[in-house]
Amino acid sequence: MVLDLMVIGTAITLGPLHNSAFILLLSSRRGVRQGLVFLLSWLANLIAVIAVVVLLTGGQPPTRHSAPSTIVIAAKLVIGLALVLYGAHRRHRPPRPHGPPRWAALIDNASPVAAAGVAWLVQPWALVAAGAATALEANLSTAGDWLALTGYCLLATLSLIVMEMYSVWAPAAAEARLNALRNWLDQHQEQLIVTLSLLAGLWLTAVSIYELVT
């Protein structure tokens, strides 16, 4: 479970869409404050998903090779295959010009509510669902699994935490470097989405098949 959560959390934090949105938000009026709202909303969404999972299981993982355990593994397999197919589809589709995403219009002069909403909008929900399915295996009677779930939520938020802290400590340098990063993300967005989807999908698929046959 711990390794799966690390892979999923890393794929989430490296996603280009929410990082580009966050940099745009930091560049707006009251950017640091709005960035904090975005960050907290993003983290709250992750925690809420994990909380729902804990309520469903009561903090006790399903017995290995039981019907609930098999259903959980099958769900992870379906998510993994979906990510692989999505990545392969985007890799082979012809490039097409596109304008700024719809959420970009919410960034300038965004209210705290809008900033929180954009954080929810740009979360990679397939990966979040994979994290939730993996969290079903958590045994909350052990401190290690509590730490694993906490670490997953923080890892999935790490890029936002780093950029927010950088903007607070060195605003002038952060603005220039983060804008350069955003330009790079915009130029390589398609490749990043494809790569992260394929890698995370192949990992989940391989792990799920192994768990089903052993």
C-alpha atoms as a PDB file:
ATOM      1  CA  MET A   1       0.000   0.000   0.000  1.00  0.00           C
ATOM      2  CA  VAL A   2       2.739   2.457   0.947  1.00  0.00           C
ATOM      3  CA  LEU A   3       4.581   2.105  -2.365  1.00  0.00           C
ATOM      4  CA  ASP A   4       1.347   2.405  -4.335  1.00  0.00           C
ATOM      5  CA  LEU A   5       0.440   5.596  -2.474  1.00  0.00           C
ATOM      6  CA  MET A   6       3.905   7.022  -3.146  1.00  0.00           C
ATOM      7  CA  VAL A   7       3.587   6.360  -6.886  1.00  0.00           C
ATOM      8  CA  ILE A   8       0.079   7.827  -7.036  1.00  0.00           C
ATOM      9  CA  GLY A   9       0.981  10.840  -4.886  1.00  0.00           C
ATOM     10  CA  THR A  10       4.017  11.578  -7.071  1.00  0.00           C
ATOM     11  CA  ALA A  11       1.948  11.362 -10.259  1.00  0.00           C
ATOM     12  CA  ILE A  12      -0.624  13.729  -8.758  1.00  0.00           C
ATOM     13  CA  THR A  13       1.863  16.346  -7.573  1.00  0.00           C
ATOM     14  CA  LEU A  14       3.668  16.426 -10.937  1.00  0.00           C
ATOM     15  CA  GLY A  15       0.493  17.005 -12.960  1.00  0.00           C
ATOM     16  CA  PRO A  16       0.794  20.060 -15.225  1.00  0.00           C
ATOM     17  CA  LEU A  17      -2.787  21.363 -15.082  1.00  0.00           C
ATOM     18  CA  HIS A  18      -3.075  22.208 -11.406  1.00  0.00           C
ATOM     19  CA  ASN A  19       0.507  23.490 -11.242  1.00  0.00           C
ATOM     20  CA  SER A  20      -0.126  25.870 -14.153  1.00  0.00           C
ATOM     21  CA  ALA A  21      -3.381  27.031 -12.553  1.00  0.00           C
ATOM     22  CA  PHE A  22      -1.638  27.578  -9.234  1.00  0.00           C
ATOM     23  CA  ILE A  23       1.149  29.645 -10.802  1.00  0.00           C
ATOM     24  CA  LEU A  24      -1.424  31.798 -12.590  1.00  0.00           C
ATOM     25  CA  LEU A  25      -3.198  32.298  -9.293  1.00  0.00           C
ATOM     26  CA  LEU A  26       0.028  33.300  -7.539  1.00  0.00           C
ATOM     27  CA  SER A  27       0.579  35.920 -10.247  1.00  0.00           C
ATOM     28  CA  SER A  28      -2.845  37.476  -9.713  1.00  0.00           C
ATOM     29  CA  ARG A  29      -3.865  40.190  -7.298  1.00  0.00           C
ATOM     30  CA  ARG A  30      -3.553  38.921  -3.707  1.00  0.00           C
ATOM     31  CA  GLY A  31      -1.831  35.918  -5.249  1.00  0.00           C
ATOM     32  CA  VAL A  32      -0.205  34.496  -2.117  1.00  0.00           C
ATOM     33  CA  ARG A  33      -3.478  34.628  -0.195  1.00  0.00           C
ATOM     34  CA  GLN A  34      -5.428  33.118  -3.064  1.00  0.00           C
ATOM     35  CA  GLY A  35      -2.750  30.498  -3.519  1.00  0.00           C
ATOM     36  CA  LEU A  36      -3.152  29.490   0.110  1.00  0.00           C
ATOM     37  CA  VAL A  37      -6.908  29.109  -0.397  1.00  0.00           C
ATOM     38  CA  PHE A  38      -6.282  26.943  -3.481  1.00  0.00           C
ATOM     39  CA  LEU A  39      -3.724  24.839  -1.593  1.00  0.00           C
ATOM     40  CA  LEU A  40      -5.996  24.283   1.409  1.00  0.00           C
ATOM     41  CA  SER A  41      -8.960  23.417  -0.825  1.00  0.00           C
ATOM     42  CA  TRP A  42      -6.818  20.945  -2.776  1.00  0.00           C
ATOM     43  CA  LEU A  43      -5.591  19.306   0.433  1.00  0.00           C
ATOM     44  CA  ALA A  44      -9.074  19.287   1.950  1.00  0.00           C
ATOM     45  CA  ASN A  45     -10.411  17.438  -1.095  1.00  0.00           C
ATOM     46  CA  LEU A  46      -7.750  14.749  -0.749  1.00  0.00           C
ATOM     47  CA  ILE A  47      -8.404  14.395   2.977  1.00  0.00           C
ATOM     48  CA  ALA A  48     -12.171  14.250   2.426  1.00  0.00           C
ATOM     49  CA  VAL A  49     -11.800  11.381  -0.044  1.00  0.00           C
ATOM     50  CA  ILE A  50      -9.607   9.453   2.407  1.00  0.00           C
ATOM     51  CA  ALA A  51     -12.074  10.195   5.226  1.00  0.00           C
ATOM     52  CA  VAL A  52     -14.935   8.714   3.203  1.00  0.00           C
ATOM     53  CA  VAL A  53     -12.840   5.592   2.606  1.00  0.00           C
ATOM     54  CA  VAL A  54     -12.085   5.270   6.321  1.00  0.00           C
ATOM     55  CA  LEU A  55     -15.779   5.606   7.154  1.00  0.00           C
ATOM     56  CA  LEU A  56     -16.616   2.854   4.675  1.00  0.00           C
ATOM     57  CA  THR A  57     -14.061   0.403   6.040  1.00  0.00           C
ATOM     58  CA  GLY A  58     -14.069   1.421   9.687  1.00  0.00           C
ATOM     59  CA  GLY A  59     -10.295   1.601   9.441  1.00  0.00           C
ATOM     60  CA  GLN A  60     -10.018  -2.154   8.885  1.00  0.00           C
ATOM     61  CA  PRO A  61      -8.858  -3.473   5.493  1.00  0.00           C
ATOM     62  CA  PRO A  62     -10.875  -6.249   3.825  1.00  0.00           C
ATOM     63  CA  THR A  63      -9.597  -9.769   4.395  1.00  0.00           C
ATOM     64  CA  ARG A  64      -7.178 -10.921   1.717  1.00  0.00           C
ATOM     65  CA  HIS A  65      -8.796 -13.021  -1.041  1.00  0.00           C
ATOM     66  CA  SER A  66     -12.261 -12.116   0.212  1.00  0.00           C
ATOM     67  CA  ALA A  67     -14.907 -10.737  -2.156  1.00  0.00           C
ATOM     68  CA  PRO A  68     -14.456  -7.105  -0.935  1.00  0.00           C
ATOM     69  CA  SER A  69     -10.677  -7.399  -1.311  1.00  0.00           C
ATOM     70  CA  THR A  70     -11.049  -8.735  -4.860  1.00  0.00           C
ATOM     71  CA  ILE A  71     -13.444  -5.921  -5.743  1.00  0.00           C
ATOM     72  CA  VAL A  72     -10.956  -3.324  -4.479  1.00  0.00           C
ATOM     73  CA  ILE A  73      -8.126  -4.835  -6.517  1.00  0.00           C
ATOM     74  CA  ALA A  74     -10.376  -5.057  -9.572  1.00  0.00           C
ATOM     75  CA  ALA A  75     -11.259  -1.376  -9.155  1.00  0.00           C
ATOM     76  CA  LYS A  76      -7.568  -0.467  -9.108  1.00  0.00           C
ATOM     77  CA  LEU A  77      -7.059  -2.604 -12.207  1.00  0.00           C
ATOM     78  CA  VAL A  78      -9.872  -0.825 -14.037  1.00  0.00           C
ATOM     79  CA  ILE A  79      -8.443   2.574 -13.091  1.00  0.00           C
ATOM     80  CA  GLY A  80      -4.977   1.482 -14.197  1.00  0.00           C
ATOM     81  CA  LEU A  81      -6.223   0.227 -17.562  1.00  0.00           C
ATOM     82  CA  ALA A  82      -8.271   3.397 -18.024  1.00  0.00           C
ATOM     83  CA  LEU A  83      -5.180   5.535 -17.410  1.00  0.00           C
ATOM     84  CA  VAL A  84      -3.148   3.469 -19.884  1.00  0.00           C
ATOM     85  CA  LEU A  85      -5.848   3.756 -22.556  1.00  0.00           C
ATOM     86  CA  TYR A  86      -6.245   7.479 -21.897  1.00  0.00           C
ATOM     87  CA  GLY A  87      -2.493   8.052 -22.145  1.00  0.00           C
ATOM     88  CA  ALA A  88      -2.261   5.990 -25.343  1.00  0.00           C
ATOM     89  CA  HIS A  89      -5.208   7.866 -26.847  1.00  0.00           C
ATOM     90  CA  ARG A  90      -3.705  11.271 -26.121  1.00  0.00           C
ATOM     91  CA  ARG A  91      -0.317  10.111 -27.379  1.00  0.00           C
ATOM     92  CA  HIS A  92      -1.644   9.087 -30.779  1.00  0.00           C
ATOM     93  CA  ARG A  93      -4.265  11.743 -31.367  1.00  0.00           C
ATOM     94  CA  PRO A  94      -3.207  14.507 -33.778  1.00  0.00           C
ATOM     95  CA  PRO A  95      -2.086  17.739 -32.130  1.00  0.00           C
ATOM     96  CA  ARG A  96      -4.704  20.419 -32.149  1.00  0.00           C
ATOM     97  CA  PRO A  97      -4.521  24.063 -31.177  1.00  0.00           C
ATOM     98  CA  HIS A  98      -6.577  25.018 -28.195  1.00  0.00           C
ATOM     99  CA  GLY A  99      -7.177  28.159 -26.231  1.00  0.00           C
ATOM    100  CA  PRO A 100      -6.807  28.649 -22.510  1.00  0.00           C
ATOM    101  CA  PRO A 101      -8.882  26.237 -20.396  1.00  0.00           C
ATOM    102  CA  ARG A 102     -12.177  27.494 -19.024  1.00  0.00           C
ATOM    103  CA  TRP A 103     -10.873  27.732 -15.475  1.00  0.00           C
ATOM    104  CA  ALA A 104      -8.208  30.239 -16.607  1.00  0.00           C
ATOM    105  CA  ALA A 105     -10.900  32.908 -16.857  1.00  0.00           C
ATOM    106  CA  LEU A 106     -11.563  32.476 -13.136  1.00  0.00           C
ATOM    107  CA  ILE A 107      -7.983  33.261 -12.141  1.00  0.00           C
ATOM    108  CA  ASP A 108      -7.785  37.041 -12.631  1.00  0.00           C
ATOM    109  CA  ASN A 109      -9.334  38.799  -9.649  1.00  0.00           C
ATOM    110  CA  ALA A 110     -10.513  35.427  -8.380  1.00  0.00           C
ATOM    111  CA  SER A 111     -12.495  35.374  -5.179  1.00  0.00           C
ATOM    112  CA  PRO A 112     -11.520  32.897  -2.458  1.00  0.00           C
ATOM    113  CA  VAL A 113     -14.527  30.785  -3.445  1.00  0.00           C
ATOM    114  CA  ALA A 114     -13.376  30.740  -7.079  1.00  0.00           C
ATOM    115  CA  ALA A 115      -9.817  29.834  -6.056  1.00  0.00           C
ATOM    116  CA  ALA A 116     -11.136  26.953  -3.954  1.00  0.00           C
ATOM    117  CA  GLY A 117     -13.371  25.832  -6.813  1.00  0.00           C
ATOM    118  CA  VAL A 118     -10.540  25.798  -9.346  1.00  0.00           C
ATOM    119  CA  ALA A 119      -8.534  23.570  -6.999  1.00  0.00           C
ATOM    120  CA  TRP A 120     -11.394  21.075  -7.034  1.00  0.00           C
ATOM    121  CA  LEU A 121     -11.845  21.416 -10.792  1.00  0.00           C
ATOM    122  CA  VAL A 122      -8.250  20.659 -11.802  1.00  0.00           C
ATOM    123  CA  GLN A 123      -7.617  17.701  -9.505  1.00  0.00           C
ATOM    124  CA  PRO A 124      -6.716  14.544 -11.473  1.00  0.00           C
ATOM    125  CA  TRP A 125      -9.732  12.592 -10.260  1.00  0.00           C
ATOM    126  CA  ALA A 126      -8.705   9.263 -11.813  1.00  0.00           C
ATOM    127  CA  LEU A 127      -5.509   9.298  -9.753  1.00  0.00           C
ATOM    128  CA  VAL A 128      -7.408  10.506  -6.693  1.00  0.00           C
ATOM    129  CA  ALA A 129      -9.763   7.541  -7.151  1.00  0.00           C
ATOM    130  CA  ALA A 130      -6.752   5.223  -7.397  1.00  0.00           C
ATOM    131  CA  GLY A 131      -5.450   6.670  -4.141  1.00  0.00           C
ATOM    132  CA  ALA A 132      -8.844   6.100  -2.519  1.00  0.00           C
ATOM    133  CA  ALA A 133      -8.945   2.478  -3.694  1.00  0.00           C
ATOM    134  CA  THR A 134      -5.461   1.939  -2.310  1.00  0.00           C
ATOM    135  CA  ALA A 135      -6.417   3.572   0.999  1.00  0.00           C
ATOM    136  CA  LEU A 136      -9.076   0.882   1.451  1.00  0.00           C
ATOM    137  CA  GLU A 137      -6.179  -1.397   2.387  1.00  0.00           C
ATOM    138  CA  ALA A 138      -5.200   0.814   5.335  1.00  0.00           C
ATOM    139  CA  ASN A 139      -5.337  -0.585   8.840  1.00  0.00           C
ATOM    140  CA  LEU A 140      -5.820   2.452  11.043  1.00  0.00           C
ATOM    141  CA  SER A 141      -5.038   0.535  14.205  1.00  0.00           C
ATOM    142  CA  THR A 142      -1.367   0.906  13.234  1.00  0.00           C
ATOM    143  CA  ALA A 143       0.582   4.163  13.308  1.00  0.00           C
ATOM    144  CA  GLY A 144       2.388   3.218  10.099  1.00  0.00           C
ATOM    145  CA  ASP A 145      -0.752   3.293   7.999  1.00  0.00           C
ATOM    146  CA  TRP A 146      -1.791   6.644   9.504  1.00  0.00           C
ATOM    147  CA  LEU A 147       1.616   7.998   8.502  1.00  0.00           C
ATOM    148  CA  ALA A 148       1.282   6.494   5.020  1.00  0.00           C
ATOM    149  CA  LEU A 149      -2.064   8.193   4.404  1.00  0.00           C
ATOM    150  CA  THR A 150      -0.806  11.496   5.803  1.00  0.00           C
ATOM    151  CA  GLY A 151       2.332  11.259   3.686  1.00  0.00           C
ATOM    152  CA  TYR A 152       0.254  10.521   0.585  1.00  0.00           C
ATOM    153  CA  CYS A 153      -1.884  13.645   1.058  1.00  0.00           C
ATOM    154  CA  LEU A 154       1.190  15.800   1.662  1.00  0.00           C
ATOM    155  CA  LEU A 155       3.101  14.284  -1.272  1.00  0.00           C
ATOM    156  CA  ALA A 156       0.165  14.914  -3.604  1.00  0.00           C
ATOM    157  CA  THR A 157       0.221  18.557  -2.442  1.00  0.00           C
ATOM    158  CA  LEU A 158       4.003  18.976  -2.342  1.00  0.00           C
ATOM    159  CA  SER A 159       4.435  21.031  -5.518  1.00  0.00           C
ATOM    160  CA  LEU A 160       1.828  23.546  -4.294  1.00  0.00           C
ATOM    161  CA  ILE A 161       3.419  23.778  -0.847  1.00  0.00           C
ATOM    162  CA  VAL A 162       6.856  24.444  -2.353  1.00  0.00           C
ATOM    163  CA  MET A 163       5.579  27.130  -4.731  1.00  0.00           C
ATOM    164  CA  GLU A 164       3.516  28.828  -2.021  1.00  0.00           C
ATOM    165  CA  MET A 165       6.466  28.948   0.384  1.00  0.00           C
ATOM    166  CA  TYR A 166       8.788  30.194  -2.375  1.00  0.00           C
ATOM    167  CA  SER A 167       6.354  33.009  -3.203  1.00  0.00           C
ATOM    168  CA  VAL A 168       6.205  34.040   0.461  1.00  0.00           C
ATOM    169  CA  TRP A 169       9.960  34.003   1.059  1.00  0.00           C
ATOM    170  CA  ALA A 170      11.225  35.413  -2.257  1.00  0.00           C
ATOM    171  CA  PRO A 171       8.293  36.957  -4.170  1.00  0.00           C
ATOM    172  CA  ALA A 172      10.307  38.701  -6.891  1.00  0.00           C
ATOM    173  CA  ALA A 173      12.473  35.699  -7.746  1.00  0.00           C
ATOM    174  CA  ALA A 174       9.500  33.354  -7.427  1.00  0.00           C
ATOM    175  CA  GLU A 175       7.387  35.319  -9.888  1.00  0.00           C
ATOM    176  CA  ALA A 176      10.042  35.184 -12.612  1.00  0.00           C
ATOM    177  CA  ARG A 177      10.954  31.538 -12.114  1.00  0.00           C
ATOM    178  CA  LEU A 178       7.415  30.275 -11.655  1.00  0.00           C
ATOM    179  CA  ASN A 179       6.269  32.091 -14.792  1.00  0.00           C
ATOM    180  CA  ALA A 180       9.125  30.422 -16.675  1.00  0.00           C
ATOM    181  CA  LEU A 181       8.006  27.094 -15.209  1.00  0.00           C
ATOM    182  CA  ARG A 182       4.428  27.751 -16.306  1.00  0.00           C
ATOM    183  CA  ASN A 183       5.572  28.480 -19.859  1.00  0.00           C
ATOM    184  CA  TRP A 184       7.503  25.200 -19.855  1.00  0.00           C
ATOM    185  CA  LEU A 185       4.499  23.311 -18.492  1.00  0.00           C
ATOM    186  CA  ASP A 186       2.255  24.822 -21.159  1.00  0.00           C
ATOM    187  CA  GLN A 187       4.687  23.761 -23.892  1.00  0.00           C
ATOM    188  CA  HIS A 188       5.057  20.209 -22.547  1.00  0.00           C
ATOM    189  CA  GLN A 189       1.594  19.720 -21.090  1.00  0.00           C
ATOM    190  CA  GLU A 190       0.564  16.987 -23.514  1.00  0.00           C
ATOM    191  CA  GLN A 191       3.768  14.986 -23.046  1.00  0.00           C
ATOM    192  CA  LEU A 192       3.509  15.237 -19.269  1.00  0.00           C
ATOM    193  CA  ILE A 193      -0.112  14.097 -19.193  1.00  0.00           C
ATOM    194  CA  VAL A 194       0.669  11.158 -21.469  1.00  0.00           C
ATOM    195  CA  THR A 195       3.769  10.124 -19.523  1.00  0.00           C
ATOM    196  CA  LEU A 196       2.174  10.368 -16.085  1.00  0.00           C
ATOM    197  CA  SER A 197      -0.986   8.575 -17.247  1.00  0.00           C
ATOM    198  CA  LEU A 198       0.979   5.728 -18.812  1.00  0.00           C
ATOM    199  CA  LEU A 199       3.421   5.274 -15.953  1.00  0.00           C
ATOM    200  CA  ALA A 200       0.804   5.413 -13.206  1.00  0.00           C
ATOM    201  CA  GLY A 201      -1.593   3.259 -15.235  1.00  0.00           C
ATOM    202  CA  LEU A 202       0.999   0.601 -15.998  1.00  0.00           C
ATOM    203  CA  TRP A 203       2.055   0.503 -12.350  1.00  0.00           C
ATOM    204  CA  LEU A 204      -1.513   0.089 -11.088  1.00  0.00           C
ATOM    205  CA  THR A 205      -2.274  -2.509 -13.748  1.00  0.00           C
ATOM    206  CA  ALA A 206       0.817  -4.583 -12.997  1.00  0.00           C
ATOM    207  CA  VAL A 207       0.363  -4.424  -9.226  1.00  0.00           C
ATOM    208  CA  SER A 208      -3.342  -5.277  -9.449  1.00  0.00           C
ATOM    209  CA  ILE A 209      -2.766  -8.278 -11.714  1.00  0.00           C
ATOM    210  CA  TYR A 210      -0.049  -9.525  -9.369  1.00  0.00           C
ATOM    211  CA  GLU A 211      -2.368  -9.196  -6.364  1.00  0.00           C
ATOM    212  CA  LEU A 212      -5.180 -11.018  -8.175  1.00  0.00           C
ATOM    213  CA  VAL A 213      -3.059 -14.025  -9.135  1.00  0.00           C
ATOM    214  CA  THR A 214      -1.115 -14.450  -5.876  1.00  0.00           C
END
